[in-house]
Amino acid sequence: HADLGKALLSIGTVKAFEIGAGFDVAEMDGSESND
């Protein structure tokens, strides 16, 4: 996912990248976040 992020962020127009639930995990409990 780090290399995917680099690949996409290397495109000039891209300003942010997230994978899966992304920034939403910051508001989850571990019991909700864990797959």
Full PDB file with SEQRES, HELIX, SHEET, SSBOND, CRYST1, ORIGX, SCALE, CONECT and MASTER records, all heavy atoms in Angstrom:
SEQRES   1 A   35  HIS ALA ASP LEU GLY LYS ALA LEU LEU SER ILE GLY THR          
SEQRES   2 A   35  VAL LYS ALA PHE GLU ILE GLY ALA GLY PHE ASP VAL ALA          
SEQRES   3 A   35  GLU MET ASP GLY SER GLU SER ASN ASP                          
HELIX    1 AA1 ALA A    2  LEU A    9  1                                   8    
HELIX    2 AA2 GLY A   22  GLU A   27  5                                   6    
HELIX    3 AA3 GLY A   30  SER A   33  1                                   4    
CRYST1    1.000    1.000    1.000  90.00  90.00  90.00 P 1           1          
ORIGX1      1.000000  0.000000  0.000000        0.00000                         
ORIGX2      0.000000  1.000000  0.000000        0.00000                         
ORIGX3      0.000000  0.000000  1.000000        0.00000                         
SCALE1      1.000000  0.000000  0.000000        0.00000                         
SCALE2      0.000000  1.000000  0.000000        0.00000                         
SCALE3      0.000000  0.000000  1.000000        0.00000                         
ATOM      1  N   HIS A   1       0.827  -1.215   0.000  1.00  0.00           N  
ATOM      2  CA  HIS A   1       0.000   0.000   0.000  1.00  0.00           C  
ATOM      3  C   HIS A   1       0.858   1.260   0.000  1.00  0.00           C  
ATOM      4  O   HIS A   1       0.440   2.301  -0.514  1.00  0.00           O  
ATOM      5  CB  HIS A   1      -0.991   0.000   1.176  1.00  0.00           C  
ATOM      6  CG  HIS A   1      -0.374  -0.040   2.521  1.00  0.00           C  
ATOM      7  ND1 HIS A   1       0.073  -1.198   3.106  1.00  0.00           N  
ATOM      8  CD2 HIS A   1      -0.129   0.941   3.428  1.00  0.00           C  
ATOM      9  CE1 HIS A   1       0.553  -0.935   4.305  1.00  0.00           C  
ATOM     10  NE2 HIS A   1       0.446   0.357   4.511  1.00  0.00           N  
ATOM     11  N   ALA A   2       2.078   1.172   0.541  1.00  0.00           N  
ATOM     12  CA  ALA A   2       2.976   2.326   0.501  1.00  0.00           C  
ATOM     13  C   ALA A   2       3.420   2.611  -0.931  1.00  0.00           C  
ATOM     14  O   ALA A   2       3.460   3.766  -1.374  1.00  0.00           O  
ATOM     15  CB  ALA A   2       4.189   2.079   1.390  1.00  0.00           C  
ATOM     16  N   ASP A   3       3.731   1.543  -1.674  1.00  0.00           N  
ATOM     17  CA  ASP A   3       4.149   1.738  -3.058  1.00  0.00           C  
ATOM     18  C   ASP A   3       2.982   2.152  -3.951  1.00  0.00           C  
ATOM     19  O   ASP A   3       3.149   2.917  -4.907  1.00  0.00           O  
ATOM     20  CB  ASP A   3       4.804   0.466  -3.586  1.00  0.00           C  
ATOM     21  CG  ASP A   3       6.251   0.323  -3.103  1.00  0.00           C  
ATOM     22  OD1 ASP A   3       6.744   1.249  -2.430  1.00  0.00           O  
ATOM     23  OD2 ASP A   3       6.876  -0.707  -3.398  1.00  0.00           O  
ATOM     24  N   LEU A   4       1.782   1.642  -3.653  1.00  0.00           N  
ATOM     25  CA  LEU A   4       0.602   2.095  -4.397  1.00  0.00           C  
ATOM     26  C   LEU A   4       0.358   3.576  -4.140  1.00  0.00           C  
ATOM     27  O   LEU A   4       0.012   4.334  -5.056  1.00  0.00           O  
ATOM     28  CB  LEU A   4      -0.622   1.273  -3.998  1.00  0.00           C  
ATOM     29  CG  LEU A   4      -0.663  -0.160  -4.540  1.00  0.00           C  
ATOM     30  CD1 LEU A   4      -1.744  -0.970  -3.826  1.00  0.00           C  
ATOM     31  CD2 LEU A   4      -0.912  -0.166  -6.050  1.00  0.00           C  
ATOM     32  N   GLY A   5       0.532   3.983  -2.881  1.00  0.00           N  
ATOM     33  CA  GLY A   5       0.378   5.395  -2.548  1.00  0.00           C  
ATOM     34  C   GLY A   5       1.378   6.253  -3.291  1.00  0.00           C  
ATOM     35  O   GLY A   5       1.041   7.307  -3.842  1.00  0.00           O  
ATOM     36  N   LYS A   6       2.648   5.806  -3.324  1.00  0.00           N  
ATOM     37  CA  LYS A   6       3.670   6.568  -4.042  1.00  0.00           C  
ATOM     38  C   LYS A   6       3.338   6.655  -5.528  1.00  0.00           C  
ATOM     39  O   LYS A   6       3.473   7.720  -6.143  1.00  0.00           O  
ATOM     40  CB  LYS A   6       5.037   5.912  -3.868  1.00  0.00           C  
ATOM     41  CG  LYS A   6       6.130   6.606  -4.677  1.00  0.00           C  
ATOM     42  CD  LYS A   6       7.483   5.943  -4.538  1.00  0.00           C  
ATOM     43  CE  LYS A   6       8.508   6.660  -5.412  1.00  0.00           C  
ATOM     44  NZ  LYS A   6       9.858   6.078  -5.301  1.00  0.00           N  
ATOM     45  N   ALA A   7       2.895   5.531  -6.101  1.00  0.00           N  
ATOM     46  CA  ALA A   7       2.574   5.506  -7.528  1.00  0.00           C  
ATOM     47  C   ALA A   7       1.498   6.527  -7.871  1.00  0.00           C  
ATOM     48  O   ALA A   7       1.622   7.282  -8.846  1.00  0.00           O  
ATOM     49  CB  ALA A   7       2.112   4.100  -7.918  1.00  0.00           C  
ATOM     50  N   LEU A   8       0.445   6.556  -7.077  1.00  0.00           N  
ATOM     51  CA  LEU A   8      -0.670   7.458  -7.367  1.00  0.00           C  
ATOM     52  C   LEU A   8      -0.339   8.899  -7.014  1.00  0.00           C  
ATOM     53  O   LEU A   8      -0.719   9.833  -7.731  1.00  0.00           O  
ATOM     54  CB  LEU A   8      -1.917   6.983  -6.628  1.00  0.00           C  
ATOM     55  CG  LEU A   8      -2.491   5.664  -7.173  1.00  0.00           C  
ATOM     56  CD1 LEU A   8      -3.470   5.037  -6.198  1.00  0.00           C  
ATOM     57  CD2 LEU A   8      -3.165   5.896  -8.521  1.00  0.00           C  
ATOM     58  N   LEU A   9       0.400   9.107  -5.913  1.00  0.00           N  
ATOM     59  CA  LEU A   9       0.781  10.467  -5.535  1.00  0.00           C  
ATOM     60  C   LEU A   9       1.826  11.054  -6.473  1.00  0.00           C  
ATOM     61  O   LEU A   9       2.046  12.270  -6.479  1.00  0.00           O  
ATOM     62  CB  LEU A   9       1.301  10.479  -4.094  1.00  0.00           C  
ATOM     63  CG  LEU A   9       0.218  10.353  -3.014  1.00  0.00           C  
ATOM     64  CD1 LEU A   9       0.838   9.965  -1.674  1.00  0.00           C  
ATOM     65  CD2 LEU A   9      -0.565  11.653  -2.868  1.00  0.00           C  
ATOM     66  N   SER A  10       2.472  10.205  -7.288  1.00  0.00           N  
ATOM     67  CA  SER A  10       3.444  10.723  -8.255  1.00  0.00           C  
ATOM     68  C   SER A  10       2.753  11.374  -9.445  1.00  0.00           C  
ATOM     69  O   SER A  10       3.400  12.046 -10.251  1.00  0.00           O  
ATOM     70  CB  SER A  10       4.357   9.592  -8.737  1.00  0.00           C  
ATOM     71  OG  SER A  10       3.673   8.724  -9.631  1.00  0.00           O  
ATOM     72  N   ILE A  11       1.438  11.172  -9.568  1.00  0.00           N  
ATOM     73  CA  ILE A  11       0.678  11.849 -10.624  1.00  0.00           C  
ATOM     74  C   ILE A  11       0.413  13.277 -10.152  1.00  0.00           C  
ATOM     75  O   ILE A  11      -0.113  13.497  -9.067  1.00  0.00           O  
ATOM     76  CB  ILE A  11      -0.644  11.110 -10.903  1.00  0.00           C  
ATOM     77  CG1 ILE A  11      -0.377   9.629 -11.213  1.00  0.00           C  
ATOM     78  CG2 ILE A  11      -1.378  11.766 -12.071  1.00  0.00           C  
ATOM     79  CD1 ILE A  11      -1.640   8.777 -11.264  1.00  0.00           C  
ATOM     80  N   GLY A  12       0.763  14.237 -10.972  1.00  0.00           N  
ATOM     81  CA  GLY A  12       0.787  15.626 -10.530  1.00  0.00           C  
ATOM     82  C   GLY A  12      -0.498  16.159  -9.929  1.00  0.00           C  
ATOM     83  O   GLY A  12      -0.469  17.028  -9.063  1.00  0.00           O  
ATOM     84  N   THR A  13      -1.623  15.669 -10.347  1.00  0.00           N  
ATOM     85  CA  THR A  13      -2.907  16.214  -9.910  1.00  0.00           C  
ATOM     86  C   THR A  13      -3.405  15.635  -8.594  1.00  0.00           C  
ATOM     87  O   THR A  13      -4.397  16.107  -8.052  1.00  0.00           O  
ATOM     88  CB  THR A  13      -3.965  15.985 -11.017  1.00  0.00           C  
ATOM     89  OG1 THR A  13      -5.135  16.729 -10.728  1.00  0.00           O  
ATOM     90  CG2 THR A  13      -4.321  14.510 -11.141  1.00  0.00           C  
ATOM     91  N   VAL A  14      -2.729  14.598  -8.061  1.00  0.00           N  
ATOM     92  CA  VAL A  14      -3.194  13.908  -6.852  1.00  0.00           C  
ATOM     93  C   VAL A  14      -2.661  14.610  -5.597  1.00  0.00           C  
ATOM     94  O   VAL A  14      -1.474  14.877  -5.479  1.00  0.00           O  
ATOM     95  CB  VAL A  14      -2.759  12.426  -6.849  1.00  0.00           C  
ATOM     96  CG1 VAL A  14      -3.125  11.750  -5.529  1.00  0.00           C  
ATOM     97  CG2 VAL A  14      -3.415  11.694  -8.010  1.00  0.00           C  
ATOM     98  N   LYS A  15      -3.560  14.872  -4.648  1.00  0.00           N  
ATOM     99  CA  LYS A  15      -3.180  15.572  -3.417  1.00  0.00           C  
ATOM    100  C   LYS A  15      -3.381  14.737  -2.161  1.00  0.00           C  
ATOM    101  O   LYS A  15      -2.944  15.138  -1.076  1.00  0.00           O  
ATOM    102  CB  LYS A  15      -3.988  16.877  -3.286  1.00  0.00           C  
ATOM    103  CG  LYS A  15      -3.817  17.838  -4.439  1.00  0.00           C  
ATOM    104  CD  LYS A  15      -2.352  18.197  -4.682  1.00  0.00           C  
ATOM    105  CE  LYS A  15      -1.752  19.026  -3.559  1.00  0.00           C  
ATOM    106  NZ  LYS A  15      -0.354  19.412  -3.876  1.00  0.00           N  
ATOM    107  N   ALA A  16      -4.043  13.579  -2.255  1.00  0.00           N  
ATOM    108  CA  ALA A  16      -4.247  12.744  -1.064  1.00  0.00           C  
ATOM    109  C   ALA A  16      -4.541  11.316  -1.498  1.00  0.00           C  
ATOM    110  O   ALA A  16      -5.037  11.075  -2.608  1.00  0.00           O  
ATOM    111  CB  ALA A  16      -5.393  13.284  -0.211  1.00  0.00           C  
ATOM    112  N   PHE A  17      -4.222  10.361  -0.605  1.00  0.00           N  
ATOM    113  CA  PHE A  17      -4.397   8.937  -0.876  1.00  0.00           C  
ATOM    114  C   PHE A  17      -4.902   8.243   0.381  1.00  0.00           C  
ATOM    115  O   PHE A  17      -4.457   8.564   1.487  1.00  0.00           O  
ATOM    116  CB  PHE A  17      -3.052   8.329  -1.299  1.00  0.00           C  
ATOM    117  CG  PHE A  17      -3.025   6.816  -1.309  1.00  0.00           C  
ATOM    118  CD1 PHE A  17      -3.465   6.100  -2.410  1.00  0.00           C  
ATOM    119  CD2 PHE A  17      -2.544   6.108  -0.211  1.00  0.00           C  
ATOM    120  CE1 PHE A  17      -3.431   4.715  -2.426  1.00  0.00           C  
ATOM    121  CE2 PHE A  17      -2.502   4.711  -0.222  1.00  0.00           C  
ATOM    122  CZ  PHE A  17      -2.955   4.019  -1.334  1.00  0.00           C  
ATOM    123  N   GLU A  18      -5.833   7.317   0.210  1.00  0.00           N  
ATOM    124  CA  GLU A  18      -6.258   6.478   1.323  1.00  0.00           C  
ATOM    125  C   GLU A  18      -6.627   5.100   0.797  1.00  0.00           C  
ATOM    126  O   GLU A  18      -6.977   4.936  -0.367  1.00  0.00           O  
ATOM    127  CB  GLU A  18      -7.421   7.094   2.101  1.00  0.00           C  
ATOM    128  CG  GLU A  18      -8.730   7.184   1.338  1.00  0.00           C  
ATOM    129  CD  GLU A  18      -9.881   7.693   2.209  1.00  0.00           C  
ATOM    130  OE1 GLU A  18      -9.635   8.125   3.341  1.00  0.00           O  
ATOM    131  OE2 GLU A  18     -11.026   7.648   1.725  1.00  0.00           O  
ATOM    132  N   ILE A  19      -6.541   4.103   1.695  1.00  0.00           N  
ATOM    133  CA  ILE A  19      -6.833   2.732   1.303  1.00  0.00           C  
ATOM    134  C   ILE A  19      -7.799   2.114   2.294  1.00  0.00           C  
ATOM    135  O   ILE A  19      -7.761   2.428   3.489  1.00  0.00           O  
ATOM    136  CB  ILE A  19      -5.532   1.909   1.198  1.00  0.00           C  
ATOM    137  CG1 ILE A  19      -5.824   0.505   0.642  1.00  0.00           C  
ATOM    138  CG2 ILE A  19      -4.787   1.839   2.525  1.00  0.00           C  
ATOM    139  CD1 ILE A  19      -4.584  -0.228   0.166  1.00  0.00           C  
ATOM    140  N   GLY A  20      -8.681   1.248   1.800  1.00  0.00           N  
ATOM    141  CA  GLY A  20      -9.672   0.618   2.666  1.00  0.00           C  
ATOM    142  C   GLY A  20     -10.595   1.657   3.271  1.00  0.00           C  
ATOM    143  O   GLY A  20     -11.120   2.528   2.587  1.00  0.00           O  
ATOM    144  N   ALA A  21     -10.775   1.582   4.590  1.00  0.00           N  
ATOM    145  CA  ALA A  21     -11.615   2.567   5.279  1.00  0.00           C  
ATOM    146  C   ALA A  21     -10.925   3.913   5.398  1.00  0.00           C  
ATOM    147  O   ALA A  21     -11.556   4.915   5.747  1.00  0.00           O  
ATOM    148  CB  ALA A  21     -11.995   2.044   6.659  1.00  0.00           C  
ATOM    149  N   GLY A  22      -9.624   3.965   5.153  1.00  0.00           N  
ATOM    150  CA  GLY A  22      -8.899   5.227   5.118  1.00  0.00           C  
ATOM    151  C   GLY A  22      -8.990   6.026   6.401  1.00  0.00           C  
ATOM    152  O   GLY A  22      -8.835   5.498   7.503  1.00  0.00           O  
ATOM    153  N   PHE A  23      -9.284   7.318   6.266  1.00  0.00           N  
ATOM    154  CA  PHE A  23      -9.326   8.206   7.426  1.00  0.00           C  
ATOM    155  C   PHE A  23     -10.460   7.869   8.391  1.00  0.00           C  
ATOM    156  O   PHE A  23     -10.440   8.288   9.548  1.00  0.00           O  
ATOM    157  CB  PHE A  23      -9.440   9.663   6.965  1.00  0.00           C  
ATOM    158  CG  PHE A  23      -8.139  10.237   6.467  1.00  0.00           C  
ATOM    159  CD1 PHE A  23      -7.831  10.202   5.120  1.00  0.00           C  
ATOM    160  CD2 PHE A  23      -7.225  10.787   7.350  1.00  0.00           C  
ATOM    161  CE1 PHE A  23      -6.625  10.716   4.655  1.00  0.00           C  
ATOM    162  CE2 PHE A  23      -6.030  11.315   6.897  1.00  0.00           C  
ATOM    163  CZ  PHE A  23      -5.718  11.278   5.546  1.00  0.00           C  
ATOM    164  N   ASP A  24     -11.432   7.100   7.943  1.00  0.00           N  
ATOM    165  CA  ASP A  24     -12.544   6.735   8.830  1.00  0.00           C  
ATOM    166  C   ASP A  24     -12.099   5.867  10.007  1.00  0.00           C  
ATOM    167  O   ASP A  24     -12.777   5.830  11.035  1.00  0.00           O  
ATOM    168  CB  ASP A  24     -13.627   5.990   8.041  1.00  0.00           C  
ATOM    169  CG  ASP A  24     -14.415   6.916   7.121  1.00  0.00           C  
ATOM    170  OD1 ASP A  24     -14.289   8.153   7.287  1.00  0.00           O  
ATOM    171  OD2 ASP A  24     -15.131   6.410   6.247  1.00  0.00           O  
ATOM    172  N   VAL A  25     -10.959   5.174   9.866  1.00  0.00           N  
ATOM    173  CA  VAL A  25     -10.515   4.315  10.972  1.00  0.00           C  
ATOM    174  C   VAL A  25     -10.159   5.143  12.206  1.00  0.00           C  
ATOM    175  O   VAL A  25     -10.155   4.620  13.328  1.00  0.00           O  
ATOM    176  CB  VAL A  25      -9.307   3.438  10.575  1.00  0.00           C  
ATOM    177  CG1 VAL A  25      -9.646   2.526   9.429  1.00  0.00           C  
ATOM    178  CG2 VAL A  25      -8.084   4.294  10.237  1.00  0.00           C  
ATOM    179  N   ALA A  26      -9.888   6.418  12.007  1.00  0.00           N  
ATOM    180  CA  ALA A  26      -9.537   7.272  13.145  1.00  0.00           C  
ATOM    181  C   ALA A  26     -10.693   7.428  14.125  1.00  0.00           C  
ATOM    182  O   ALA A  26     -10.485   7.767  15.295  1.00  0.00           O  
ATOM    183  CB  ALA A  26      -9.095   8.653  12.645  1.00  0.00           C  
ATOM    184  N   GLU A  27     -11.915   7.161  13.661  1.00  0.00           N  
ATOM    185  CA  GLU A  27     -13.096   7.308  14.514  1.00  0.00           C  
ATOM    186  C   GLU A  27     -13.655   5.961  14.967  1.00  0.00           C  
ATOM    187  O   GLU A  27     -14.700   5.902  15.610  1.00  0.00           O  
ATOM    188  CB  GLU A  27     -14.175   8.090  13.758  1.00  0.00           C  
ATOM    189  CG  GLU A  27     -13.726   9.499  13.350  1.00  0.00           C  
ATOM    190  CD  GLU A  27     -14.795  10.233  12.566  1.00  0.00           C  
ATOM    191  OE1 GLU A  27     -15.888   9.667  12.361  1.00  0.00           O  
ATOM    192  OE2 GLU A  27     -14.538  11.385  12.144  1.00  0.00           O  
ATOM    193  N   MET A  28     -12.963   4.868  14.625  1.00  0.00           N  
ATOM    194  CA  MET A  28     -13.455   3.533  14.978  1.00  0.00           C  
ATOM    195  C   MET A  28     -12.798   2.996  16.242  1.00  0.00           C  
ATOM    196  O   MET A  28     -11.680   3.399  16.598  1.00  0.00           O  
ATOM    197  CB  MET A  28     -13.168   2.553  13.826  1.00  0.00           C  
ATOM    198  CG  MET A  28     -13.884   2.830  12.533  1.00  0.00           C  
ATOM    199  SD  MET A  28     -13.434   1.583  11.288  1.00  0.00           S  
ATOM    200  CE  MET A  28     -14.280   2.225   9.847  1.00  0.00           C  
ATOM    201  N   ASP A  29     -13.498   2.069  16.920  1.00  0.00           N  
ATOM    202  CA  ASP A  29     -12.881   1.246  17.957  1.00  0.00           C  
ATOM    203  C   ASP A  29     -12.165   0.090  17.269  1.00  0.00           C  
ATOM    204  O   ASP A  29     -12.458  -0.246  16.125  1.00  0.00           O  
ATOM    205  CB  ASP A  29     -13.942   0.698  18.913  1.00  0.00           C  
ATOM    206  CG  ASP A  29     -14.638   1.796  19.703  1.00  0.00           C  
ATOM    207  OD1 ASP A  29     -14.007   2.852  19.914  1.00  0.00           O  
ATOM    208  OD2 ASP A  29     -15.811   1.602  20.077  1.00  0.00           O  
ATOM    209  N   GLY A  30     -11.251  -0.543  17.989  1.00  0.00           N  
ATOM    210  CA  GLY A  30     -10.538  -1.680  17.423  1.00  0.00           C  
ATOM    211  C   GLY A  30     -11.470  -2.801  17.016  1.00  0.00           C  
ATOM    212  O   GLY A  30     -11.267  -3.454  15.978  1.00  0.00           O  
ATOM    213  N   SER A  31     -12.521  -3.020  17.819  1.00  0.00           N  
ATOM    214  CA  SER A  31     -13.470  -4.093  17.516  1.00  0.00           C  
ATOM    215  C   SER A  31     -14.216  -3.843  16.215  1.00  0.00           C  
ATOM    216  O   SER A  31     -14.663  -4.774  15.548  1.00  0.00           O  
ATOM    217  CB  SER A  31     -14.476  -4.241  18.667  1.00  0.00           C  
ATOM    218  OG  SER A  31     -15.138  -2.998  18.896  1.00  0.00           O  
ATOM    219  N   GLU A  32     -14.359  -2.576  15.838  1.00  0.00           N  
ATOM    220  CA  GLU A  32     -15.018  -2.231  14.583  1.00  0.00           C  
ATOM    221  C   GLU A  32     -14.032  -2.224  13.428  1.00  0.00           C  
ATOM    222  O   GLU A  32     -14.345  -2.662  12.318  1.00  0.00           O  
ATOM    223  CB  GLU A  32     -15.672  -0.847  14.700  1.00  0.00           C  
ATOM    224  CG  GLU A  32     -16.417  -0.419  13.448  1.00  0.00           C  
ATOM    225  CD  GLU A  32     -16.946   0.998  13.544  1.00  0.00           C  
ATOM    226  OE1 GLU A  32     -16.706   1.674  14.563  1.00  0.00           O  
ATOM    227  OE2 GLU A  32     -17.600   1.438  12.569  1.00  0.00           O  
ATOM    228  N   SER A  33     -12.836  -1.754  13.692  1.00  0.00           N  
ATOM    229  CA  SER A  33     -11.830  -1.621  12.642  1.00  0.00           C  
ATOM    230  C   SER A  33     -11.305  -2.970  12.174  1.00  0.00           C  
ATOM    231  O   SER A  33     -11.062  -3.169  10.983  1.00  0.00           O  
ATOM    232  CB  SER A  33     -10.666  -0.767  13.140  1.00  0.00           C  
ATOM    233  OG  SER A  33      -9.605  -0.769  12.222  1.00  0.00           O  
ATOM    234  N   ASN A  34     -11.110  -3.910  13.105  1.00  0.00           N  
ATOM    235  CA  ASN A  34     -10.509  -5.198  12.743  1.00  0.00           C  
ATOM    236  C   ASN A  34     -11.374  -5.982  11.758  1.00  0.00           C  
ATOM    237  O   ASN A  34     -12.575  -6.120  11.958  1.00  0.00           O  
ATOM    238  CB  ASN A  34     -10.300  -6.059  13.999  1.00  0.00           C  
ATOM    239  CG  ASN A  34      -9.186  -5.525  14.876  1.00  0.00           C  
ATOM    240  OD1 ASN A  34      -8.380  -4.708  14.430  1.00  0.00           O  
ATOM    241  ND2 ASN A  34      -9.132  -5.993  16.112  1.00  0.00           N  
ATOM    242  N   ASP A  35     -10.735  -6.497  10.718  1.00  0.00           N  
ATOM    243  CA  ASP A  35     -11.422  -7.372   9.762  1.00  0.00           C  
ATOM    244  C   ASP A  35     -11.297  -8.815  10.245  1.00  0.00           C  
ATOM    245  O   ASP A  35     -10.201  -9.281  10.537  1.00  0.00           O  
ATOM    246  CB  ASP A  35     -10.774  -7.263   8.377  1.00  0.00           C  
ATOM    247  CG  ASP A  35     -10.915  -5.879   7.768  1.00  0.00           C  
ATOM    248  OD1 ASP A  35     -11.924  -5.224   8.046  1.00  0.00           O  
ATOM    249  OD2 ASP A  35     -10.014  -5.473   7.008  1.00  0.00           O  
TER     250      ASP A  35                                                      
MASTER        0    0    0    3    0    0    0    6  249    1    0    3          
END                                                                             
